[in-house]
């Protein structure tokens, strides 16, 4: 749980620091959130927290689905950037 709170605190600090970047590229923020969700769920699964919370996180599809969605967000955001 502390790991999750630390990740959220770092994410909030980075959003505050790079507010201008997030305003220009909101899909990057979405991609980072999806990756953070993947990391948190993976940490819960490794530490058996999901058993304490009565969750079923052993499905093989959630991990690659979150990673592919995050990658798609990054790729789509990159295509929107105008060439300089």
PDB file of N, CA and C in Angstrom:
ATOM      1  N   UNK A   1       0.829  -1.190   0.000  1.00  0.00           N
ATOM      2  CA  UNK A   1       0.000   0.000   0.000  1.00  0.00           C
ATOM      3  C   UNK A   1       0.875   1.255   0.000  1.00  0.00           C
ATOM      4  N   UNK A   2       1.972   1.212   0.754  1.00  0.00           N
ATOM      5  CA  UNK A   2       2.885   2.363   0.774  1.00  0.00           C
ATOM      6  C   UNK A   2       3.508   2.592  -0.600  1.00  0.00           C
ATOM      7  N   UNK A   3       3.790   1.512  -1.291  1.00  0.00           N
ATOM      8  CA  UNK A   3       4.341   1.607  -2.639  1.00  0.00           C
ATOM      9  C   UNK A   3       3.374   2.345  -3.563  1.00  0.00           C
ATOM     10  N   UNK A   4       2.098   2.009  -3.482  1.00  0.00           N
ATOM     11  CA  UNK A   4       1.077   2.661  -4.297  1.00  0.00           C
ATOM     12  C   UNK A   4       0.971   4.140  -3.952  1.00  0.00           C
ATOM     13  N   UNK A   5       0.960   4.457  -2.686  1.00  0.00           N
ATOM     14  CA  UNK A   5       0.890   5.862  -2.272  1.00  0.00           C
ATOM     15  C   UNK A   5       2.112   6.648  -2.728  1.00  0.00           C
ATOM     16  N   UNK A   6       3.284   6.012  -2.667  1.00  0.00           N
ATOM     17  CA  UNK A   6       4.506   6.673  -3.127  1.00  0.00           C
ATOM     18  C   UNK A   6       4.446   6.925  -4.633  1.00  0.00           C
ATOM     19  N   UNK A   7       3.965   5.956  -5.391  1.00  0.00           N
ATOM     20  CA  UNK A   7       3.826   6.142  -6.836  1.00  0.00           C
ATOM     21  C   UNK A   7       2.868   7.277  -7.159  1.00  0.00           C
ATOM     22  N   UNK A   8       1.756   7.333  -6.460  1.00  0.00           N
ATOM     23  CA  UNK A   8       0.787   8.402  -6.695  1.00  0.00           C
ATOM     24  C   UNK A   8       1.349   9.762  -6.318  1.00  0.00           C
ATOM     25  N   UNK A   9       2.130   9.837  -5.249  1.00  0.00           N
ATOM     26  CA  UNK A   9       2.742  11.099  -4.840  1.00  0.00           C
ATOM     27  C   UNK A   9       3.748  11.576  -5.880  1.00  0.00           C
ATOM     28  N   UNK A  10       4.551  10.659  -6.379  1.00  0.00           N
ATOM     29  CA  UNK A  10       5.531  11.026  -7.411  1.00  0.00           C
ATOM     30  C   UNK A  10       4.804  11.452  -8.684  1.00  0.00           C
ATOM     31  N   UNK A  11       3.766  10.734  -9.054  1.00  0.00           N
ATOM     32  CA  UNK A  11       2.996  11.090 -10.248  1.00  0.00           C
ATOM     33  C   UNK A  11       2.372  12.476 -10.111  1.00  0.00           C
ATOM     34  N   UNK A  12       1.809  12.774  -8.950  1.00  0.00           N
ATOM     35  CA  UNK A  12       1.200  14.092  -8.718  1.00  0.00           C
ATOM     36  C   UNK A  12       2.262  15.194  -8.775  1.00  0.00           C
ATOM     37  N   UNK A  13       3.429  14.946  -8.213  1.00  0.00           N
ATOM     38  CA  UNK A  13       4.507  15.939  -8.253  1.00  0.00           C
ATOM     39  C   UNK A  13       4.974  16.186  -9.689  1.00  0.00           C
ATOM     40  N   UNK A  14       5.078  15.120 -10.467  1.00  0.00           N
ATOM     41  CA  UNK A  14       5.490  15.278 -11.860  1.00  0.00           C
ATOM     42  C   UNK A  14       4.431  16.011 -12.680  1.00  0.00           C
ATOM     43  N   UNK A  15       3.167  15.734 -12.413  1.00  0.00           N
ATOM     44  CA  UNK A  15       2.101  16.459 -13.111  1.00  0.00           C
ATOM     45  C   UNK A  15       2.159  17.946 -12.805  1.00  0.00           C
ATOM     46  N   UNK A  16       2.419  18.270 -11.575  1.00  0.00           N
ATOM     47  CA  UNK A  16       2.499  19.677 -11.189  1.00  0.00           C
ATOM     48  C   UNK A  16       3.689  20.354 -11.859  1.00  0.00           C
ATOM     49  N   UNK A  17       4.821  19.653 -11.891  1.00  0.00           N
ATOM     50  CA  UNK A  17       6.032  20.228 -12.465  1.00  0.00           C
ATOM     51  C   UNK A  17       5.918  20.390 -13.980  1.00  0.00           C
ATOM     52  N   UNK A  18       5.346  19.397 -14.650  1.00  0.00           N
ATOM     53  CA  UNK A  18       5.251  19.406 -16.106  1.00  0.00           C
ATOM     54  C   UNK A  18       3.819  19.625 -16.598  1.00  0.00           C
ATOM     55  N   UNK A  19       3.136  20.551 -15.954  1.00  0.00           N
ATOM     56  CA  UNK A  19       1.735  20.836 -16.292  1.00  0.00           C
ATOM     57  C   UNK A  19       1.578  21.221 -17.762  1.00  0.00           C
ATOM     58  N   UNK A  20       2.492  22.014 -18.276  1.00  0.00           N
ATOM     59  CA  UNK A  20       2.419  22.468 -19.670  1.00  0.00           C
ATOM     60  C   UNK A  20       2.506  21.293 -20.644  1.00  0.00           C
ATOM     61  N   UNK A  21       3.341  20.316 -20.318  1.00  0.00           N
ATOM     62  CA  UNK A  21       3.500  19.154 -21.195  1.00  0.00           C
ATOM     63  C   UNK A  21       2.228  18.313 -21.203  1.00  0.00           C
ATOM     64  N   UNK A  22       1.638  18.147 -20.039  1.00  0.00           N
ATOM     65  CA  UNK A  22       0.418  17.337 -19.928  1.00  0.00           C
ATOM     66  C   UNK A  22      -0.746  18.008 -20.647  1.00  0.00           C
ATOM     67  N   UNK A  23      -0.793  19.348 -20.600  1.00  0.00           N
ATOM     68  CA  UNK A  23      -1.865  20.053 -21.312  1.00  0.00           C
ATOM     69  C   UNK A  23      -1.750  19.864 -22.819  1.00  0.00           C
ATOM     70  N   UNK A  24      -0.522  19.836 -23.319  1.00  0.00           N
ATOM     71  CA  UNK A  24      -0.311  19.671 -24.758  1.00  0.00           C
ATOM     72  C   UNK A  24      -0.482  18.226 -25.206  1.00  0.00           C
ATOM     73  N   UNK A  25      -0.178  17.268 -24.332  1.00  0.00           N
ATOM     74  CA  UNK A  25      -0.215  15.847 -24.689  1.00  0.00           C
ATOM     75  C   UNK A  25      -0.925  15.017 -23.614  1.00  0.00           C
ATOM     76  N   UNK A  26      -2.254  15.111 -23.543  1.00  0.00           N
ATOM     77  CA  UNK A  26      -2.984  14.383 -22.492  1.00  0.00           C
ATOM     78  C   UNK A  26      -2.912  12.864 -22.641  1.00  0.00           C
ATOM     79  N   UNK A  27      -2.655  12.369 -23.847  1.00  0.00           N
ATOM     80  CA  UNK A  27      -2.552  10.920 -24.013  1.00  0.00           C
ATOM     81  C   UNK A  27      -1.314  10.347 -23.336  1.00  0.00           C
ATOM     82  N   UNK A  28      -0.280  11.155 -23.187  1.00  0.00           N
ATOM     83  CA  UNK A  28       0.902  10.698 -22.465  1.00  0.00           C
ATOM     84  C   UNK A  28       0.541  10.465 -21.005  1.00  0.00           C
ATOM     85  N   UNK A  29      -0.244  11.369 -20.436  1.00  0.00           N
ATOM     86  CA  UNK A  29      -0.693  11.205 -19.054  1.00  0.00           C
ATOM     87  C   UNK A  29      -1.521   9.927 -18.920  1.00  0.00           C
ATOM     88  N   UNK A  30      -2.391   9.664 -19.859  1.00  0.00           N
ATOM     89  CA  UNK A  30      -3.198   8.448 -19.839  1.00  0.00           C
ATOM     90  C   UNK A  30      -2.317   7.204 -19.918  1.00  0.00           C
ATOM     91  N   UNK A  31      -1.318   7.242 -20.800  1.00  0.00           N
ATOM     92  CA  UNK A  31      -0.398   6.113 -20.927  1.00  0.00           C
ATOM     93  C   UNK A  31       0.381   5.863 -19.647  1.00  0.00           C
ATOM     94  N   UNK A  32       0.840   6.934 -19.010  1.00  0.00           N
ATOM     95  CA  UNK A  32       1.578   6.783 -17.756  1.00  0.00           C
ATOM     96  C   UNK A  32       0.662   6.221 -16.674  1.00  0.00           C
ATOM     97  N   UNK A  33      -0.573   6.680 -16.616  1.00  0.00           N
ATOM     98  CA  UNK A  33      -1.523   6.136 -15.632  1.00  0.00           C
ATOM     99  C   UNK A  33      -1.771   4.642 -15.855  1.00  0.00           C
ATOM    100  N   UNK A  34      -1.879   4.239 -17.107  1.00  0.00           N
ATOM    101  CA  UNK A  34      -2.073   2.821 -17.405  1.00  0.00           C
ATOM    102  C   UNK A  34      -0.852   1.998 -16.979  1.00  0.00           C
ATOM    103  N   UNK A  35       0.332   2.533 -17.221  1.00  0.00           N
ATOM    104  CA  UNK A  35       1.537   1.820 -16.783  1.00  0.00           C
ATOM    105  C   UNK A  35       1.635   1.766 -15.265  1.00  0.00           C
ATOM    106  N   UNK A  36       1.255   2.856 -14.588  1.00  0.00           N
ATOM    107  CA  UNK A  36       1.247   2.833 -13.126  1.00  0.00           C
ATOM    108  C   UNK A  36       0.245   1.815 -12.598  1.00  0.00           C
ATOM    109  N   UNK A  37      -0.897   1.731 -13.238  1.00  0.00           N
ATOM    110  CA  UNK A  37      -1.886   0.732 -12.847  1.00  0.00           C
ATOM    111  C   UNK A  37      -1.319  -0.676 -13.013  1.00  0.00           C
ATOM    112  N   UNK A  38      -0.627  -0.911 -14.117  1.00  0.00           N
ATOM    113  CA  UNK A  38       0.012  -2.205 -14.336  1.00  0.00           C
ATOM    114  C   UNK A  38       1.013  -2.514 -13.225  1.00  0.00           C
ATOM    115  N   UNK A  39       1.851  -1.528 -12.885  1.00  0.00           N
ATOM    116  CA  UNK A  39       2.879  -1.731 -11.856  1.00  0.00           C
ATOM    117  C   UNK A  39       2.240  -2.016 -10.500  1.00  0.00           C
ATOM    118  N   UNK A  40       1.202  -1.272 -10.158  1.00  0.00           N
ATOM    119  CA  UNK A  40       0.534  -1.464  -8.867  1.00  0.00           C
ATOM    120  C   UNK A  40      -0.136  -2.837  -8.801  1.00  0.00           C
ATOM    121  N   UNK A  41      -0.829  -3.221  -9.855  1.00  0.00           N
ATOM    122  CA  UNK A  41      -1.486  -4.531  -9.861  1.00  0.00           C
ATOM    123  C   UNK A  41      -0.451  -5.644  -9.798  1.00  0.00           C
ATOM    124  N   UNK A  42       0.640  -5.477 -10.530  1.00  0.00           N
ATOM    125  CA  UNK A  42       1.700  -6.493 -10.506  1.00  0.00           C
ATOM    126  C   UNK A  42       2.322  -6.603  -9.116  1.00  0.00           C
ATOM    127  N   UNK A  43       2.544  -5.451  -8.470  1.00  0.00           N
ATOM    128  CA  UNK A  43       3.100  -5.477  -7.110  1.00  0.00           C
ATOM    129  C   UNK A  43       2.128  -6.144  -6.138  1.00  0.00           C
ATOM    130  N   UNK A  44       0.827  -5.857  -6.288  1.00  0.00           N
ATOM    131  CA  UNK A  44      -0.168  -6.508  -5.443  1.00  0.00           C
ATOM    132  C   UNK A  44      -0.143  -8.014  -5.639  1.00  0.00           C
ATOM    133  N   UNK A  45      -0.025  -8.445  -6.897  1.00  0.00           N
ATOM    134  CA  UNK A  45      -0.021  -9.880  -7.184  1.00  0.00           C
ATOM    135  C   UNK A  45       1.227 -10.556  -6.625  1.00  0.00           C
ATOM    136  N   UNK A  46       2.373  -9.899  -6.747  1.00  0.00           N
ATOM    137  CA  UNK A  46       3.615 -10.488  -6.247  1.00  0.00           C
ATOM    138  C   UNK A  46       3.635 -10.593  -4.727  1.00  0.00           C
ATOM    139  N   UNK A  47       3.015  -9.645  -4.049  1.00  0.00           N
ATOM    140  CA  UNK A  47       3.017  -9.628  -2.585  1.00  0.00           C
ATOM    141  C   UNK A  47       1.753 -10.235  -1.988  1.00  0.00           C
ATOM    142  N   UNK A  48       0.929 -10.844  -2.816  1.00  0.00           N
ATOM    143  CA  UNK A  48      -0.293 -11.537  -2.381  1.00  0.00           C
ATOM    144  C   UNK A  48      -1.288 -10.609  -1.687  1.00  0.00           C
ATOM    145  N   UNK A  49      -1.237  -9.326  -2.016  1.00  0.00           N
ATOM    146  CA  UNK A  49      -2.210  -8.379  -1.452  1.00  0.00           C
ATOM    147  C   UNK A  49      -3.605  -8.652  -2.019  1.00  0.00           C
ATOM    148  N   UNK A  50      -3.637  -9.121  -3.280  1.00  0.00           N
ATOM    149  CA  UNK A  50      -4.947  -9.385  -3.890  1.00  0.00           C
ATOM    150  C   UNK A  50      -5.714 -10.460  -3.135  1.00  0.00           C
ATOM    151  N   UNK A  51      -5.001 -11.386  -2.490  1.00  0.00           N
ATOM    152  CA  UNK A  51      -5.682 -12.412  -1.696  1.00  0.00           C
ATOM    153  C   UNK A  51      -6.317 -11.802  -0.454  1.00  0.00           C
ATOM    154  N   UNK A  52      -5.632 -10.841   0.138  1.00  0.00           N
ATOM    155  CA  UNK A  52      -6.194 -10.169   1.311  1.00  0.00           C
ATOM    156  C   UNK A  52      -7.413  -9.322   0.945  1.00  0.00           C
ATOM    157  N   UNK A  53      -7.399  -8.759  -0.273  1.00  0.00           N
ATOM    158  CA  UNK A  53      -8.515  -7.925  -0.732  1.00  0.00           C
ATOM    159  C   UNK A  53      -9.569  -8.725  -1.484  1.00  0.00           C
ATOM    160  N   UNK A  54      -9.370 -10.045  -1.578  1.00  0.00           N
ATOM    161  CA  UNK A  54     -10.291 -10.949  -2.277  1.00  0.00           C
ATOM    162  C   UNK A  54     -10.473 -10.554  -3.749  1.00  0.00           C
ATOM    163  N   UNK A  55      -9.350 -10.260  -4.410  1.00  0.00           N
ATOM    164  CA  UNK A  55      -9.351  -9.949  -5.831  1.00  0.00           C
ATOM    165  C   UNK A  55      -8.755 -11.116  -6.601  1.00  0.00           C
ATOM    166  N   UNK A  56      -9.107 -11.222  -7.867  1.00  0.00           N
ATOM    167  CA  UNK A  56      -8.561 -12.271  -8.721  1.00  0.00           C
ATOM    168  C   UNK A  56      -7.707 -11.601  -9.797  1.00  0.00           C
ATOM    169  N   UNK A  57      -6.396 -11.512  -9.568  1.00  0.00           N
ATOM    170  CA  UNK A  57      -5.496 -10.827 -10.488  1.00  0.00           C
ATOM    171  C   UNK A  57      -4.594 -11.790 -11.248  1.00  0.00           C
ATOM    172  N   UNK A  58      -4.933 -13.042 -11.270  1.00  0.00           N
ATOM    173  CA  UNK A  58      -4.081 -14.031 -11.928  1.00  0.00           C
ATOM    174  C   UNK A  58      -4.489 -14.280 -13.380  1.00  0.00           C
ATOM    175  N   UNK A  59      -5.336 -13.433 -13.917  1.00  0.00           N
ATOM    176  CA  UNK A  59      -5.729 -13.544 -15.314  1.00  0.00           C
ATOM    177  C   UNK A  59      -4.534 -13.153 -16.188  1.00  0.00           C
ATOM    178  N   UNK A  60      -4.269 -13.906 -17.224  1.00  0.00           N
ATOM    179  CA  UNK A  60      -3.108 -13.656 -18.073  1.00  0.00           C
ATOM    180  C   UNK A  60      -3.293 -12.470 -19.019  1.00  0.00           C
ATOM    181  N   UNK A  61      -4.503 -11.998 -19.202  1.00  0.00           N
ATOM    182  CA  UNK A  61      -4.757 -10.960 -20.200  1.00  0.00           C
ATOM    183  C   UNK A  61      -4.578  -9.535 -19.697  1.00  0.00           C
ATOM    184  N   UNK A  62      -4.706  -9.281 -18.418  1.00  0.00           N
ATOM    185  CA  UNK A  62      -4.701  -7.900 -17.934  1.00  0.00           C
ATOM    186  C   UNK A  62      -3.354  -7.227 -18.130  1.00  0.00           C
ATOM    187  N   UNK A  63      -2.262  -7.944 -17.962  1.00  0.00           N
ATOM    188  CA  UNK A  63      -0.939  -7.336 -18.047  1.00  0.00           C
ATOM    189  C   UNK A  63      -0.620  -6.822 -19.430  1.00  0.00           C
ATOM    190  N   UNK A  64      -0.739  -7.680 -20.421  1.00  0.00           N
ATOM    191  CA  UNK A  64      -0.400  -7.231 -21.761  1.00  0.00           C
ATOM    192  C   UNK A  64      -1.431  -6.253 -22.302  1.00  0.00           C
ATOM    193  N   UNK A  65      -2.672  -6.353 -21.841  1.00  0.00           N
ATOM    194  CA  UNK A  65      -3.693  -5.404 -22.274  1.00  0.00           C
ATOM    195  C   UNK A  65      -3.353  -3.996 -21.792  1.00  0.00           C
ATOM    196  N   UNK A  66      -2.989  -3.861 -20.522  1.00  0.00           N
ATOM    197  CA  UNK A  66      -2.614  -2.549 -20.000  1.00  0.00           C
ATOM    198  C   UNK A  66      -1.369  -2.002 -20.703  1.00  0.00           C
ATOM    199  N   UNK A  67      -0.398  -2.865 -20.933  1.00  0.00           N
ATOM    200  CA  UNK A  67       0.823  -2.418 -21.608  1.00  0.00           C
ATOM    201  C   UNK A  67       0.550  -1.982 -23.043  1.00  0.00           C
ATOM    202  N   UNK A  68      -0.272  -2.732 -23.755  1.00  0.00           N
ATOM    203  CA  UNK A  68      -0.592  -2.358 -25.130  1.00  0.00           C
ATOM    204  C   UNK A  68      -1.408  -1.071 -25.198  1.00  0.00           C
ATOM    205  N   UNK A  69      -2.333  -0.897 -24.269  1.00  0.00           N
ATOM    206  CA  UNK A  69      -3.103   0.349 -24.240  1.00  0.00           C
ATOM    207  C   UNK A  69      -2.206   1.546 -23.945  1.00  0.00           C
ATOM    208  N   UNK A  70      -1.273   1.386 -23.024  1.00  0.00           N
ATOM    209  CA  UNK A  70      -0.335   2.472 -22.716  1.00  0.00           C
ATOM    210  C   UNK A  70       0.541   2.786 -23.925  1.00  0.00           C
ATOM    211  N   UNK A  71       1.036   1.750 -24.585  1.00  0.00           N
ATOM    212  CA  UNK A  71       1.859   1.952 -25.779  1.00  0.00           C
ATOM    213  C   UNK A  71       1.066   2.633 -26.879  1.00  0.00           C
ATOM    214  N   UNK A  72      -0.193   2.255 -27.039  1.00  0.00           N
ATOM    215  CA  UNK A  72      -1.047   2.897 -28.040  1.00  0.00           C
ATOM    216  C   UNK A  72      -1.249   4.372 -27.713  1.00  0.00           C
ATOM    217  N   UNK A  73      -1.416   4.693 -26.444  1.00  0.00           N
ATOM    218  CA  UNK A  73      -1.556   6.099 -26.050  1.00  0.00           C
ATOM    219  C   UNK A  73      -0.295   6.892 -26.380  1.00  0.00           C
ATOM    220  N   UNK A  74       0.866   6.316 -26.085  1.00  0.00           N
ATOM    221  CA  UNK A  74       2.132   6.986 -26.391  1.00  0.00           C
ATOM    222  C   UNK A  74       2.307   7.148 -27.899  1.00  0.00           C
ATOM    223  N   UNK A  75       1.999   6.107 -28.652  1.00  0.00           N
ATOM    224  CA  UNK A  75       2.161   6.161 -30.103  1.00  0.00           C
ATOM    225  C   UNK A  75       1.217   7.185 -30.725  1.00  0.00           C
ATOM    226  N   UNK A  76      -0.026   7.196 -30.291  1.00  0.00           N
ATOM    227  CA  UNK A  76      -0.993   8.153 -30.832  1.00  0.00           C
ATOM    228  C   UNK A  76      -0.580   9.578 -30.488  1.00  0.00           C
ATOM    229  N   UNK A  77      -0.108   9.792 -29.281  1.00  0.00           N
ATOM    230  CA  UNK A  77       0.359  11.113 -28.880  1.00  0.00           C
ATOM    231  C   UNK A  77       1.562  11.545 -29.718  1.00  0.00           C
ATOM    232  N   UNK A  78       2.445  10.603 -30.011  1.00  0.00           N
ATOM    233  CA  UNK A  78       3.625  10.924 -30.823  1.00  0.00           C
ATOM    234  C   UNK A  78       3.230  11.304 -32.245  1.00  0.00           C
ATOM    235  N   UNK A  79       2.178  10.696 -32.784  1.00  0.00           N
ATOM    236  CA  UNK A  79       1.757  11.049 -34.140  1.00  0.00           C
ATOM    237  C   UNK A  79       1.122  12.426 -34.192  1.00  0.00           C
ATOM    238  N   UNK A  80       0.659  12.919 -33.054  1.00  0.00           N
ATOM    239  CA  UNK A  80       0.020  14.228 -33.010  1.00  0.00           C
ATOM    240  C   UNK A  80       1.004  15.393 -32.905  1.00  0.00           C
ATOM    241  N   UNK A  81       2.252  15.089 -32.576  1.00  0.00           N
ATOM    242  CA  UNK A  81       3.267  16.131 -32.426  1.00  0.00           C
ATOM    243  C   UNK A  81       3.678  16.599 -33.814  1.00  0.00           C
ATOM    244  N   UNK A  82       3.653  17.898 -34.006  1.00  0.00           N
ATOM    245  CA  UNK A  82       4.038  18.464 -35.285  1.00  0.00           C
ATOM    246  C   UNK A  82       5.556  18.431 -35.434  1.00  0.00           C
ATOM    247  N   UNK A  83       5.992  18.113 -36.631  1.00  0.00           N
ATOM    248  CA  UNK A  83       7.434  18.101 -36.898  1.00  0.00           C
ATOM    249  C   UNK A  83       7.977  19.526 -36.834  1.00  0.00           C
ATOM    250  N   UNK A  84       9.147  19.660 -36.232  1.00  0.00           N
ATOM    251  CA  UNK A  84       9.736  21.001 -36.094  1.00  0.00           C
ATOM    252  C   UNK A  84      10.700  21.276 -37.199  1.00  0.00           C
TER     253      UNK A  84
END
